[in-house]
Amino acid sequence: MIKYNLKCHNNHEFESWFSESCEFEKLNKKKLLDCIYCSSKNIKKSIMAPMISANKRKENNHHKHGKFLKDEKKKLINLRNYIEKNFEFVGENFSKKVRDIYYDKNSTKTIYGTTTAKERRELVEEGIDLLSIPWIEKDN
């Protein structure tokens, strides 16, 4: 069985069940269908959407999104661990320290710290490439 939304030429909309998808075409061609409101024989299929269980779809989406977010959080925590292990934390002195390193072409020092939006713009204007990453709390 299949259910179609139907519409007559007077724009009345209604539903009807058919034994199979081609049944509508057969009955409509023979003018055996009529509008339940005005008895018009000029009937067409209306726009339809498939009926899908919303609960299963939502559960699957929540599960997929939850797993995705958990995986991404793990990646960010791994990145944070790598930075903390291999870079020197310079805190709010980052702008000054990064300039010292940038203009000393022999320096191979790697640092991380914090800047203000204004300091970031100034560093970018000087040609200093920066990378901002989300700093995820480890116990969050």
Protein backbone atom coordinates (compact mmCIF):
# COMPACT_ATOMS: atom_id res chain seq x y z
CA MET A 1 0.00 0.00 0.00
CA ILE A 2 1.13 3.53 -0.77
CA LYS A 3 -0.34 6.84 0.37
CA TYR A 4 -0.37 9.89 -1.89
CA ASN A 5 -1.21 13.50 -1.19
CA LEU A 6 -3.63 14.57 -3.91
CA LYS A 7 -4.81 17.95 -5.12
CA CYS A 8 -7.75 18.90 -7.32
CA HIS A 9 -7.87 21.81 -9.77
CA ASN A 10 -9.63 23.86 -7.03
CA ASN A 11 -6.52 23.43 -4.82
CA HIS A 12 -8.21 21.12 -2.33
CA GLU A 13 -5.66 18.75 -0.82
CA PHE A 14 -6.42 15.30 0.53
CA GLU A 15 -4.81 11.89 0.98
CA SER A 16 -5.62 8.55 -0.55
CA TRP A 17 -4.20 5.04 -0.35
CA PHE A 18 -3.38 2.91 -3.40
CA SER A 19 -2.42 -0.73 -3.72
CA GLU A 20 0.71 0.17 -5.71
CA SER A 21 2.32 3.27 -7.20
CA CYS A 22 0.91 2.79 -10.72
CA GLU A 23 -2.64 2.39 -9.37
CA PHE A 24 -3.10 6.16 -9.08
CA GLU A 25 -2.25 6.62 -12.77
CA LYS A 26 -4.70 3.88 -13.87
CA LEU A 27 -7.61 5.21 -11.80
CA ASN A 28 -6.97 8.84 -12.66
CA LYS A 29 -6.76 8.10 -16.37
CA LYS A 30 -10.21 6.45 -16.20
CA LYS A 31 -11.55 9.46 -14.21
CA LEU A 32 -12.38 7.20 -11.27
CA LEU A 33 -10.81 9.54 -8.73
CA ASP A 34 -12.60 12.58 -7.41
CA CYS A 35 -11.98 15.32 -4.86
CA ILE A 36 -13.49 14.56 -1.45
CA TYR A 37 -14.47 18.23 -1.08
CA CYS A 38 -15.84 19.30 -4.48
CA SER A 39 -16.06 16.03 -6.50
CA SER A 40 -13.73 17.38 -9.17
CA LYS A 41 -12.28 14.66 -11.42
CA ASN A 42 -9.20 16.76 -12.28
CA ILE A 43 -6.76 15.25 -9.73
CA LYS A 44 -2.97 15.43 -9.50
CA LYS A 45 -0.39 14.16 -7.05
CA SER A 46 0.74 16.84 -4.64
CA ILE A 47 4.25 17.29 -3.25
CA MET A 48 5.06 14.52 -0.79
CA ALA A 49 7.74 13.66 1.70
CA PRO A 50 8.60 10.12 2.72
CA MET A 51 7.56 9.08 6.20
CA ILE A 52 10.65 8.39 8.26
CA SER A 53 10.74 7.69 11.95
CA ALA A 54 12.07 10.91 13.47
CA ASN A 55 13.19 9.25 16.70
CA LYS A 56 15.55 6.79 15.01
CA ARG A 57 16.95 9.50 12.76
CA LYS A 58 17.52 11.84 15.71
CA GLU A 59 19.10 9.09 17.78
CA ASN A 60 21.43 8.17 14.93
CA ASN A 61 22.34 11.83 14.32
CA HIS A 62 22.96 12.45 18.03
CA HIS A 63 25.10 9.34 18.21
CA LYS A 64 27.06 10.28 15.06
CA HIS A 65 27.54 13.91 16.15
CA GLY A 66 28.48 12.85 19.69
CA LYS A 67 31.09 10.41 18.41
CA PHE A 68 32.43 13.00 15.93
CA LEU A 69 32.75 15.67 18.65
CA LYS A 70 34.38 13.21 21.04
CA ASP A 71 36.93 12.25 18.36
CA GLU A 72 37.65 15.91 17.52
CA LYS A 73 38.06 16.77 21.20
CA LYS A 74 40.55 13.91 21.56
CA LYS A 75 42.54 15.26 18.60
CA LEU A 76 42.63 18.76 20.10
CA ILE A 77 43.75 17.41 23.48
CA ASN A 78 46.51 15.44 21.72
CA LEU A 79 47.58 18.62 19.92
CA ARG A 80 47.61 20.52 23.22
CA ASN A 81 49.73 17.78 24.84
CA TYR A 82 52.19 17.92 21.94
CA ILE A 83 52.50 21.71 22.16
CA GLU A 84 52.94 21.68 25.93
CA LYS A 85 55.64 19.00 25.65
CA ASN A 86 57.58 20.51 22.72
CA PHE A 87 57.06 24.30 22.94
CA GLU A 88 57.97 26.89 25.57
CA PHE A 89 55.02 28.70 27.18
CA VAL A 90 55.64 32.47 27.19
CA GLY A 91 52.16 33.58 28.28
CA GLU A 92 51.20 37.16 27.56
CA ASN A 93 54.75 37.94 26.37
CA PHE A 94 54.02 36.03 23.16
CA SER A 95 54.00 39.10 20.85
CA LYS A 96 57.40 40.29 22.04
CA LYS A 97 58.96 36.81 22.11
CA VAL A 98 57.66 35.82 18.68
CA ARG A 99 59.10 39.01 17.18
CA ASP A 100 62.49 38.26 18.79
CA ILE A 101 62.46 34.78 17.26
CA TYR A 102 61.14 35.97 13.87
CA TYR A 103 63.80 38.67 13.40
CA ASP A 104 66.62 36.44 14.71
CA LYS A 105 66.97 34.25 11.62
CA ASN A 106 69.20 31.79 13.50
CA SER A 107 66.61 31.01 16.18
CA THR A 108 64.82 27.67 16.05
CA LYS A 109 62.93 28.20 19.28
CA THR A 110 59.28 27.15 19.37
CA ILE A 111 56.88 28.99 21.67
CA TYR A 112 53.23 29.34 22.47
CA GLY A 113 51.27 31.90 24.44
CA THR A 114 48.43 34.38 24.28
CA THR A 115 47.82 37.59 22.34
CA THR A 116 45.12 40.15 22.02
CA ALA A 117 43.25 40.59 18.73
CA LYS A 118 45.17 43.83 18.15
CA GLU A 119 48.54 42.13 18.72
CA ARG A 120 47.59 39.32 16.30
CA ARG A 121 46.70 41.86 13.59
CA GLU A 122 50.01 43.69 14.09
CA LEU A 123 51.99 40.43 13.88
CA VAL A 124 50.19 39.39 10.69
CA GLU A 125 50.84 42.84 9.18
CA GLU A 126 54.56 42.28 9.87
CA GLY A 127 54.39 39.01 7.95
CA ILE A 128 54.57 36.75 10.99
CA ASP A 129 52.42 33.66 10.45
CA LEU A 130 50.39 32.61 13.46
CA LEU A 131 48.26 29.63 14.21
CA SER A 132 45.40 29.87 16.67
CA ILE A 133 44.05 26.64 18.02
CA PRO A 134 41.15 25.93 20.37
CA TRP A 135 42.65 25.30 23.80
CA ILE A 136 40.51 22.46 25.09
CA GLU A 137 40.49 21.80 28.82
CA LYS A 138 41.77 18.32 29.50
CA ASP A 139 39.19 17.57 32.18
CA ASN A 140 36.29 19.23 30.33
